Each structure stands twice: as structure tokens, then as C-alpha cells.
Amino acid sequence: MTVFYTFIIFALIFIFIIVFSSRFFYFLELKTFTKRLSNTLHIDILRLDCSFEQMVYFLSLPSNLPIIKNVKPEELTIEFDYTSLIFPRLSGIKIYIKTNKEKMVLAYLPTKDFRLPTLDQMLEQGKIDEGDYLKISTYKLIHQTTLKEITGEVFKQLQVGSL
């Protein structure tokens, strides 16, 4: 009986390790792939222009809601939206207003709709394929500088209506 319990404990530990390390290894794979491909293509991924046009807002702008009108940039938070726990793939990012009292979803940007014009040209020229495009754009999307740009863009969109 103790062999059975030992096996169950080791199986649970194994599953726990897989689930909690899978995102780390997913990001590591994206980073490694992107750096290797960017060296081959002689481009700097982090300096590429990107488009937030496909961001979906869940409220009408301009808005007269007090939470929207009084939002501060530090109250905007971004959460990653994954497809799975064990073999995660980033399907998009959610942008929230998070205050002490409430949490409100503002916008969503699907990974497949996050466009980079330089990569669009390379895709048309056959230098990369759709899979390469998705990995590179996902890496760019999750990078801290891009996340700050997205937060700034959302904040700007919220402020346009409240001026």
C-alpha cells in the first residue's frame, strides 16, 4: 500500500512541476526561437513597429463611467490569456482597470491579430511562414516594452473621451 501512495505522490509532484513550469519553458522557447530567427533575418524584433488596431474594447468610448473618467495609468493591468495549462499557448492579452474596489475588463488583443508590418512583408516574400510570424509576434507582444506601449495606448484611448 505504501508503494501505491508513494507512486501517487510522485505522480502529483510530477504533474505539479509540469503545470507550473510549462509557461516558463514556453516563454523560453519563444525567446530562443525569436533571437535565432532575428539573427538570421538581421532584424531587431523589439524595434519593429506594431499595430494595436485589432484591440477589442468592451465599452463604448468615450465613456462617462466614473471608473473610466478617473482612471490612473497604474490602475491598468494586463493579464495573459492562455489556451491550456499543460501546453500553454498565448491566445491574447486582457487589459483591466483594477482598483481597490473592483476589476473591470476594458480590452482584449488576440495574439493572432497583433500585427507587425515588417513581418507582414517578410511573410509575403516567403522569408517566414505563419508559424514563425505567430511565435515572433507573441514574443514581441509579451515583452515588457510592448506591454507598456499597450497600457499607454489604452490609457490614451480612455482619456480621449474624458477631456
N, C-alpha and C. Protein backbone atom coordinates (compact mmCIF):
# COMPACT_ATOMS: atom_id res chain seq x y z
N MET A 1 0.81 -1.20 0.00
CA MET A 1 0.00 0.00 0.00
C MET A 1 0.86 1.27 0.00
N THR A 2 1.97 1.26 0.72
CA THR A 2 2.83 2.44 0.74
C THR A 2 3.46 2.70 -0.63
N VAL A 3 3.70 1.65 -1.41
CA VAL A 3 4.23 1.82 -2.76
C VAL A 3 3.20 2.56 -3.62
N PHE A 4 1.95 2.22 -3.45
CA PHE A 4 0.88 2.88 -4.20
C PHE A 4 0.81 4.36 -3.84
N TYR A 5 0.84 4.68 -2.54
CA TYR A 5 0.79 6.08 -2.12
C TYR A 5 2.03 6.84 -2.57
N THR A 6 3.17 6.20 -2.52
CA THR A 6 4.40 6.82 -3.00
C THR A 6 4.30 7.15 -4.49
N PHE A 7 3.76 6.20 -5.25
CA PHE A 7 3.57 6.43 -6.68
C PHE A 7 2.61 7.60 -6.93
N ILE A 8 1.53 7.66 -6.20
CA ILE A 8 0.55 8.75 -6.34
C ILE A 8 1.20 10.09 -5.99
N ILE A 9 1.97 10.12 -4.93
CA ILE A 9 2.63 11.37 -4.52
C ILE A 9 3.61 11.83 -5.59
N PHE A 10 4.43 10.90 -6.11
CA PHE A 10 5.37 11.27 -7.17
C PHE A 10 4.65 11.71 -8.44
N ALA A 11 3.54 11.08 -8.76
CA ALA A 11 2.76 11.49 -9.94
C ALA A 11 2.20 12.89 -9.75
N LEU A 12 1.69 13.20 -8.57
CA LEU A 12 1.17 14.54 -8.30
C LEU A 12 2.27 15.60 -8.34
N ILE A 13 3.43 15.27 -7.79
CA ILE A 13 4.56 16.20 -7.83
C ILE A 13 4.99 16.43 -9.27
N PHE A 14 5.03 15.38 -10.06
CA PHE A 14 5.40 15.49 -11.48
C PHE A 14 4.42 16.39 -12.23
N ILE A 15 3.14 16.17 -12.03
CA ILE A 15 2.12 16.99 -12.69
C ILE A 15 2.23 18.44 -12.22
N PHE A 16 2.43 18.65 -10.94
CA PHE A 16 2.59 19.99 -10.38
C PHE A 16 3.77 20.71 -11.04
N ILE A 17 4.90 20.02 -11.17
CA ILE A 17 6.09 20.62 -11.79
C ILE A 17 5.82 20.95 -13.25
N ILE A 18 5.18 20.05 -13.97
CA ILE A 18 4.87 20.27 -15.39
C ILE A 18 3.96 21.49 -15.55
N VAL A 19 2.91 21.55 -14.77
CA VAL A 19 1.94 22.65 -14.90
C VAL A 19 2.58 23.99 -14.56
N PHE A 20 3.35 24.05 -13.50
CA PHE A 20 3.89 25.33 -13.06
C PHE A 20 5.18 25.75 -13.78
N SER A 21 5.80 24.84 -14.50
CA SER A 21 6.99 25.22 -15.26
C SER A 21 6.71 25.36 -16.75
N SER A 22 5.54 24.96 -17.20
CA SER A 22 5.24 24.97 -18.63
C SER A 22 5.25 26.38 -19.23
N ARG A 23 4.73 27.34 -18.52
CA ARG A 23 4.73 28.72 -19.03
C ARG A 23 6.15 29.27 -19.13
N PHE A 24 6.97 28.96 -18.15
CA PHE A 24 8.36 29.40 -18.18
C PHE A 24 9.05 28.84 -19.43
N PHE A 25 8.88 27.56 -19.67
CA PHE A 25 9.54 26.94 -20.82
C PHE A 25 8.92 27.41 -22.14
N TYR A 26 7.63 27.74 -22.13
CA TYR A 26 7.00 28.31 -23.32
C TYR A 26 7.64 29.66 -23.66
N PHE A 27 7.80 30.52 -22.66
CA PHE A 27 8.44 31.82 -22.88
C PHE A 27 9.89 31.66 -23.29
N LEU A 28 10.58 30.72 -22.68
CA LEU A 28 11.97 30.46 -23.03
C LEU A 28 12.09 30.00 -24.48
N GLU A 29 11.19 29.14 -24.91
CA GLU A 29 11.19 28.67 -26.30
C GLU A 29 10.91 29.82 -27.26
N LEU A 30 9.95 30.68 -26.92
CA LEU A 30 9.65 31.85 -27.76
C LEU A 30 10.87 32.76 -27.87
N LYS A 31 11.52 33.02 -26.76
CA LYS A 31 12.68 33.91 -26.74
C LYS A 31 13.83 33.33 -27.55
N THR A 32 14.12 32.06 -27.36
CA THR A 32 15.22 31.41 -28.08
C THR A 32 14.95 31.39 -29.58
N PHE A 33 13.74 31.00 -29.96
CA PHE A 33 13.36 30.94 -31.37
C PHE A 33 13.45 32.32 -32.02
N THR A 34 12.92 33.32 -31.34
CA THR A 34 12.90 34.68 -31.87
C THR A 34 14.31 35.24 -32.03
N LYS A 35 15.16 35.02 -31.04
CA LYS A 35 16.53 35.53 -31.15
C LYS A 35 17.27 34.85 -32.30
N ARG A 36 17.08 33.54 -32.44
CA ARG A 36 17.75 32.82 -33.53
C ARG A 36 17.27 33.31 -34.89
N LEU A 37 15.96 33.46 -35.05
CA LEU A 37 15.40 33.91 -36.32
C LEU A 37 15.73 35.37 -36.61
N SER A 38 15.74 36.20 -35.57
CA SER A 38 16.08 37.61 -35.79
C SER A 38 17.53 37.77 -36.21
N ASN A 39 18.41 36.92 -35.70
CA ASN A 39 19.81 36.96 -36.15
C ASN A 39 19.91 36.51 -37.61
N THR A 40 19.15 35.51 -37.98
CA THR A 40 19.17 35.02 -39.36
C THR A 40 18.63 36.06 -40.33
N LEU A 41 17.55 36.75 -39.91
CA LEU A 41 16.90 37.75 -40.78
C LEU A 41 17.51 39.14 -40.64
N HIS A 42 18.41 39.32 -39.69
CA HIS A 42 19.06 40.61 -39.44
C HIS A 42 18.05 41.71 -39.09
N ILE A 43 17.17 41.40 -38.16
CA ILE A 43 16.20 42.39 -37.67
C ILE A 43 16.23 42.41 -36.15
N ASP A 44 15.85 43.54 -35.59
CA ASP A 44 15.72 43.68 -34.15
C ASP A 44 14.23 43.66 -33.83
N ILE A 45 13.77 42.57 -33.30
CA ILE A 45 12.34 42.36 -33.05
C ILE A 45 11.77 43.46 -32.16
N LEU A 46 12.51 43.86 -31.15
CA LEU A 46 11.98 44.83 -30.20
C LEU A 46 11.87 46.23 -30.77
N ARG A 47 12.52 46.50 -31.90
CA ARG A 47 12.44 47.81 -32.54
C ARG A 47 11.40 47.86 -33.66
N LEU A 48 10.75 46.74 -33.93
CA LEU A 48 9.76 46.72 -35.00
C LEU A 48 8.50 47.47 -34.57
N ASP A 49 7.93 48.20 -35.53
CA ASP A 49 6.65 48.86 -35.27
C ASP A 49 5.56 47.81 -35.19
N CYS A 50 4.56 48.10 -34.36
CA CYS A 50 3.44 47.17 -34.23
C CYS A 50 2.13 47.95 -34.25
N SER A 51 1.06 47.19 -34.44
CA SER A 51 -0.26 47.81 -34.56
C SER A 51 -1.19 47.27 -33.48
N PHE A 52 -1.90 48.19 -32.85
CA PHE A 52 -2.90 47.81 -31.84
C PHE A 52 -4.31 48.02 -32.37
N GLU A 53 -4.44 48.14 -33.68
CA GLU A 53 -5.74 48.41 -34.30
C GLU A 53 -6.77 47.33 -34.03
N GLN A 54 -6.32 46.10 -33.87
CA GLN A 54 -7.25 44.99 -33.70
C GLN A 54 -7.67 44.78 -32.25
N MET A 55 -7.28 45.70 -31.36
CA MET A 55 -7.69 45.57 -29.97
C MET A 55 -9.20 45.77 -29.87
N VAL A 56 -9.84 44.88 -29.15
CA VAL A 56 -11.28 44.92 -28.98
C VAL A 56 -11.59 45.57 -27.63
N TYR A 57 -12.34 46.67 -27.65
CA TYR A 57 -12.74 47.34 -26.42
C TYR A 57 -14.12 46.85 -26.03
N PHE A 58 -14.32 46.60 -24.73
CA PHE A 58 -15.59 46.08 -24.24
C PHE A 58 -16.51 47.16 -23.70
N LEU A 59 -16.22 48.40 -24.04
CA LEU A 59 -17.08 49.50 -23.65
C LEU A 59 -17.02 50.56 -24.73
N SER A 60 -18.04 51.36 -24.79
CA SER A 60 -18.08 52.43 -25.78
C SER A 60 -17.21 53.58 -25.30
N LEU A 61 -16.41 54.07 -26.22
CA LEU A 61 -15.57 55.23 -25.91
C LEU A 61 -16.06 56.41 -26.72
N PRO A 62 -16.19 57.57 -26.20
CA PRO A 62 -15.91 57.98 -24.82
C PRO A 62 -16.96 57.45 -23.85
N SER A 63 -16.54 57.31 -22.60
CA SER A 63 -17.42 56.79 -21.57
C SER A 63 -17.53 57.80 -20.43
N ASN A 64 -18.71 57.85 -19.86
CA ASN A 64 -18.94 58.75 -18.72
C ASN A 64 -18.90 58.00 -17.39
N LEU A 65 -18.54 56.72 -17.41
CA LEU A 65 -18.43 55.97 -16.17
C LEU A 65 -17.34 56.58 -15.30
N PRO A 66 -17.61 56.80 -14.03
CA PRO A 66 -16.60 57.41 -13.14
C PRO A 66 -15.29 56.60 -13.09
N ILE A 67 -15.39 55.28 -13.12
CA ILE A 67 -14.18 54.47 -13.06
C ILE A 67 -13.30 54.70 -14.29
N ILE A 68 -13.91 54.97 -15.43
CA ILE A 68 -13.17 55.22 -16.67
C ILE A 68 -12.62 56.65 -16.67
N LYS A 69 -13.44 57.60 -16.29
CA LYS A 69 -13.02 59.00 -16.32
C LYS A 69 -11.89 59.29 -15.33
N ASN A 70 -11.87 58.57 -14.21
CA ASN A 70 -10.90 58.84 -13.15
C ASN A 70 -9.75 57.84 -13.11
N VAL A 71 -9.60 57.05 -14.15
CA VAL A 71 -8.56 56.01 -14.14
C VAL A 71 -7.16 56.63 -14.15
N LYS A 72 -6.26 55.98 -13.43
CA LYS A 72 -4.85 56.37 -13.42
C LYS A 72 -4.08 55.29 -14.17
N PRO A 73 -2.98 55.65 -14.82
CA PRO A 73 -2.23 54.63 -15.58
C PRO A 73 -1.81 53.42 -14.75
N GLU A 74 -1.50 53.62 -13.48
CA GLU A 74 -1.07 52.49 -12.65
C GLU A 74 -2.21 51.54 -12.29
N GLU A 75 -3.45 51.95 -12.55
CA GLU A 75 -4.60 51.07 -12.30
C GLU A 75 -4.88 50.13 -13.47
N LEU A 76 -4.20 50.34 -14.59
CA LEU A 76 -4.36 49.45 -15.73
C LEU A 76 -3.43 48.26 -15.58
N THR A 77 -3.99 47.07 -15.67
CA THR A 77 -3.18 45.86 -15.57
C THR A 77 -3.43 44.97 -16.77
N ILE A 78 -2.44 44.16 -17.07
CA ILE A 78 -2.53 43.24 -18.21
C ILE A 78 -2.40 41.82 -17.69
N GLU A 79 -3.28 40.96 -18.17
CA GLU A 79 -3.20 39.54 -17.85
C GLU A 79 -3.10 38.76 -19.15
N PHE A 80 -2.30 37.70 -19.12
CA PHE A 80 -2.15 36.84 -20.28
C PHE A 80 -3.29 35.82 -20.30
N ASP A 81 -3.80 35.56 -21.50
CA ASP A 81 -4.88 34.59 -21.70
C ASP A 81 -4.29 33.37 -22.41
N TYR A 82 -4.25 32.24 -21.72
CA TYR A 82 -3.65 31.02 -22.26
C TYR A 82 -4.72 30.03 -22.71
N THR A 83 -4.32 29.16 -23.63
CA THR A 83 -5.24 28.15 -24.13
C THR A 83 -5.25 26.90 -23.27
N SER A 84 -4.17 26.62 -22.53
CA SER A 84 -4.08 25.37 -21.79
C SER A 84 -3.12 25.54 -20.62
N LEU A 85 -3.23 24.65 -19.64
CA LEU A 85 -2.30 24.67 -18.51
C LEU A 85 -1.03 23.89 -18.81
N ILE A 86 -1.17 22.72 -19.41
CA ILE A 86 -0.03 21.83 -19.59
C ILE A 86 0.84 22.27 -20.77
N PHE A 87 0.24 22.52 -21.91
CA PHE A 87 0.98 23.00 -23.08
C PHE A 87 0.42 24.37 -23.46
N PRO A 88 0.82 25.40 -22.72
CA PRO A 88 0.19 26.71 -22.91
C PRO A 88 0.57 27.36 -24.24
N ARG A 89 -0.36 28.06 -24.78
CA ARG A 89 -0.15 28.94 -25.93
C ARG A 89 -0.90 30.21 -25.59
N LEU A 90 -0.23 31.33 -25.79
CA LEU A 90 -0.86 32.61 -25.51
C LEU A 90 -1.87 32.91 -26.59
N SER A 91 -3.12 33.09 -26.20
CA SER A 91 -4.14 33.39 -27.20
C SER A 91 -4.46 34.89 -27.24
N GLY A 92 -4.02 35.64 -26.23
CA GLY A 92 -4.24 37.08 -26.23
C GLY A 92 -3.91 37.67 -24.88
N ILE A 93 -4.12 38.98 -24.80
CA ILE A 93 -3.93 39.66 -23.52
C ILE A 93 -5.20 40.44 -23.19
N LYS A 94 -5.49 40.48 -21.89
CA LYS A 94 -6.64 41.22 -21.38
C LYS A 94 -6.13 42.43 -20.62
N ILE A 95 -6.79 43.56 -20.85
CA ILE A 95 -6.42 44.79 -20.15
C ILE A 95 -7.55 45.13 -19.20
N TYR A 96 -7.22 45.32 -17.93
CA TYR A 96 -8.19 45.59 -16.88
C TYR A 96 -7.93 46.93 -16.23
N ILE A 97 -9.00 47.47 -15.65
CA ILE A 97 -8.86 48.51 -14.64
C ILE A 97 -9.00 47.78 -13.32
N LYS A 98 -7.99 47.89 -12.49
CA LYS A 98 -8.01 47.20 -11.21
C LYS A 98 -7.84 48.22 -10.10
N THR A 99 -8.91 48.47 -9.38
CA THR A 99 -8.87 49.37 -8.24
C THR A 99 -9.03 48.55 -6.97
N ASN A 100 -9.02 49.23 -5.84
CA ASN A 100 -9.22 48.53 -4.57
C ASN A 100 -10.61 47.91 -4.49
N LYS A 101 -11.57 48.51 -5.17
CA LYS A 101 -12.95 48.06 -5.05
C LYS A 101 -13.42 47.13 -6.16
N GLU A 102 -12.89 47.29 -7.36
CA GLU A 102 -13.38 46.48 -8.46
C GLU A 102 -12.33 46.22 -9.53
N LYS A 103 -12.69 45.27 -10.39
CA LYS A 103 -11.83 44.88 -11.51
C LYS A 103 -12.74 44.82 -12.73
N MET A 104 -12.38 45.62 -13.75
CA MET A 104 -13.24 45.74 -14.92
C MET A 104 -12.42 45.48 -16.19
N VAL A 105 -12.90 44.55 -17.02
CA VAL A 105 -12.21 44.26 -18.28
C VAL A 105 -12.48 45.40 -19.25
N LEU A 106 -11.41 45.95 -19.81
CA LEU A 106 -11.52 47.05 -20.76
C LEU A 106 -11.37 46.59 -22.20
N ALA A 107 -10.32 45.79 -22.44
CA ALA A 107 -9.98 45.46 -23.82
C ALA A 107 -9.31 44.10 -23.90
N TYR A 108 -9.26 43.59 -25.12
CA TYR A 108 -8.63 42.30 -25.39
C TYR A 108 -7.91 42.40 -26.73
N LEU A 109 -6.68 41.91 -26.77
CA LEU A 109 -5.91 41.88 -28.01
C LEU A 109 -5.53 40.43 -28.29
N PRO A 110 -6.17 39.81 -29.30
CA PRO A 110 -5.81 38.44 -29.65
C PRO A 110 -4.41 38.38 -30.25
N THR A 111 -3.66 37.36 -29.92
CA THR A 111 -2.30 37.20 -30.41
C THR A 111 -2.28 37.12 -31.93
N LYS A 112 -3.22 36.40 -32.51
CA LYS A 112 -3.22 36.24 -33.97
C LYS A 112 -3.52 37.55 -34.70
N ASP A 113 -4.08 38.52 -34.02
CA ASP A 113 -4.40 39.81 -34.64
C ASP A 113 -3.36 40.89 -34.33
N PHE A 114 -2.34 40.55 -33.58
CA PHE A 114 -1.27 41.50 -33.27
C PHE A 114 -0.34 41.53 -34.47
N ARG A 115 -0.34 42.64 -35.20
CA ARG A 115 0.37 42.72 -36.48
C ARG A 115 1.63 43.57 -36.38
N LEU A 116 2.64 43.12 -37.14
CA LEU A 116 3.90 43.83 -37.28
C LEU A 116 4.14 44.00 -38.78
N PRO A 117 4.07 45.23 -39.30
CA PRO A 117 4.18 45.46 -40.75
C PRO A 117 5.44 44.85 -41.39
N THR A 118 6.57 44.91 -40.71
CA THR A 118 7.80 44.33 -41.26
C THR A 118 7.65 42.82 -41.43
N LEU A 119 7.04 42.19 -40.44
CA LEU A 119 6.82 40.75 -40.55
C LEU A 119 5.79 40.42 -41.62
N ASP A 120 4.80 41.30 -41.81
CA ASP A 120 3.83 41.09 -42.89
C ASP A 120 4.55 41.05 -44.24
N GLN A 121 5.50 41.96 -44.44
CA GLN A 121 6.27 41.97 -45.69
C GLN A 121 7.10 40.70 -45.84
N MET A 122 7.74 40.28 -44.77
CA MET A 122 8.55 39.06 -44.82
C MET A 122 7.69 37.83 -45.08
N LEU A 123 6.50 37.83 -44.56
CA LEU A 123 5.57 36.73 -44.80
C LEU A 123 5.18 36.68 -46.27
N GLU A 124 4.88 37.85 -46.84
CA GLU A 124 4.54 37.92 -48.27
C GLU A 124 5.72 37.49 -49.15
N GLN A 125 6.93 37.83 -48.74
CA GLN A 125 8.12 37.49 -49.52
C GLN A 125 8.54 36.03 -49.33
N GLY A 126 7.93 35.33 -48.40
CA GLY A 126 8.25 33.93 -48.16
C GLY A 126 9.46 33.70 -47.27
N LYS A 127 9.94 34.75 -46.62
CA LYS A 127 11.10 34.62 -45.74
C LYS A 127 10.73 33.92 -44.42
N ILE A 128 9.46 34.05 -44.01
CA ILE A 128 8.96 33.37 -42.82
C ILE A 128 7.61 32.77 -43.16
N ASP A 129 7.15 31.83 -42.33
CA ASP A 129 5.81 31.28 -42.52
C ASP A 129 4.90 31.73 -41.38
N GLU A 130 3.65 31.30 -41.41
CA GLU A 130 2.67 31.73 -40.41
C GLU A 130 3.10 31.35 -38.99
N GLY A 131 3.66 30.15 -38.84
CA GLY A 131 4.11 29.72 -37.51
C GLY A 131 5.22 30.60 -36.97
N ASP A 132 6.18 30.94 -37.83
CA ASP A 132 7.26 31.85 -37.43
C ASP A 132 6.68 33.20 -37.03
N TYR A 133 5.76 33.70 -37.85
CA TYR A 133 5.12 35.00 -37.60
C TYR A 133 4.46 35.00 -36.22
N LEU A 134 3.71 33.94 -35.93
CA LEU A 134 2.98 33.87 -34.66
C LEU A 134 3.94 33.83 -33.48
N LYS A 135 5.02 33.07 -33.58
CA LYS A 135 5.98 32.99 -32.47
C LYS A 135 6.68 34.33 -32.25
N ILE A 136 7.09 34.96 -33.34
CA ILE A 136 7.79 36.25 -33.22
C ILE A 136 6.85 37.31 -32.67
N SER A 137 5.63 37.38 -33.20
CA SER A 137 4.70 38.40 -32.73
C SER A 137 4.28 38.14 -31.28
N THR A 138 4.18 36.88 -30.88
CA THR A 138 3.86 36.57 -29.49
C THR A 138 4.98 37.02 -28.57
N TYR A 139 6.22 36.77 -28.97
CA TYR A 139 7.35 37.22 -28.16
C TYR A 139 7.35 38.74 -28.02
N LYS A 140 7.13 39.43 -29.12
CA LYS A 140 7.07 40.90 -29.09
C LYS A 140 5.92 41.37 -28.20
N LEU A 141 4.79 40.68 -28.29
CA LEU A 141 3.61 41.07 -27.52
C LEU A 141 3.84 40.94 -26.02
N ILE A 142 4.55 39.92 -25.58
CA ILE A 142 4.74 39.70 -24.14
C ILE A 142 5.94 40.44 -23.57
N HIS A 143 6.69 41.09 -24.43
CA HIS A 143 7.86 41.83 -23.94
C HIS A 143 7.40 43.05 -23.14
N GLN A 144 8.14 43.38 -22.10
CA GLN A 144 7.78 44.49 -21.20
C GLN A 144 7.58 45.81 -21.92
N THR A 145 8.43 46.12 -22.90
CA THR A 145 8.29 47.40 -23.59
C THR A 145 6.98 47.46 -24.37
N THR A 146 6.59 46.36 -24.98
CA THR A 146 5.33 46.33 -25.73
C THR A 146 4.14 46.43 -24.78
N LEU A 147 4.23 45.76 -23.65
CA LEU A 147 3.14 45.82 -22.67
C LEU A 147 2.96 47.25 -22.15
N LYS A 148 4.07 47.97 -21.98
CA LYS A 148 3.97 49.38 -21.56
C LYS A 148 3.33 50.22 -22.65
N GLU A 149 3.68 49.94 -23.91
CA GLU A 149 3.06 50.65 -25.03
C GLU A 149 1.56 50.40 -25.09
N ILE A 150 1.17 49.15 -24.87
CA ILE A 150 -0.26 48.79 -24.89
C ILE A 150 -1.00 49.51 -23.77
N THR A 151 -0.43 49.50 -22.59
CA THR A 151 -1.05 50.20 -21.46
C THR A 151 -1.19 51.68 -21.76
N GLY A 152 -0.17 52.27 -22.34
CA GLY A 152 -0.22 53.68 -22.72
C GLY A 152 -1.29 53.95 -23.77
N GLU A 153 -1.39 53.06 -24.76
CA GLU A 153 -2.41 53.23 -25.81
C GLU A 153 -3.82 53.12 -25.24
N VAL A 154 -4.05 52.16 -24.38
CA VAL A 154 -5.38 52.01 -23.76
C VAL A 154 -5.70 53.23 -22.91
N PHE A 155 -4.73 53.69 -22.12
CA PHE A 155 -4.94 54.86 -21.29
C PHE A 155 -5.27 56.07 -22.17
N LYS A 156 -4.55 56.23 -23.27
CA LYS A 156 -4.81 57.34 -24.18
C LYS A 156 -6.22 57.25 -24.77
N GLN A 157 -6.64 56.04 -25.15
CA GLN A 157 -7.99 55.87 -25.69
C GLN A 157 -9.05 56.21 -24.64
N LEU A 158 -8.80 55.86 -23.40
CA LEU A 158 -9.75 56.16 -22.33
C LEU A 158 -9.81 57.66 -22.06
N GLN A 159 -8.68 58.34 -22.18
CA GLN A 159 -8.62 59.76 -21.87
C GLN A 159 -9.18 60.63 -22.98
N VAL A 160 -9.18 60.15 -24.21
CA VAL A 160 -9.68 60.94 -25.34
C VAL A 160 -11.12 61.37 -25.10
N GLY A 161 -11.92 60.46 -24.57
CA GLY A 161 -13.33 60.77 -24.36
C GLY A 161 -13.61 61.58 -23.11
N SER A 162 -12.67 61.62 -22.17
CA SER A 162 -12.97 62.30 -20.92
C SER A 162 -12.37 63.70 -20.83
N LEU A 163 -11.76 64.17 -21.92
CA LEU A 163 -11.19 65.51 -21.89
C LEU A 163 -12.22 66.57 -22.12
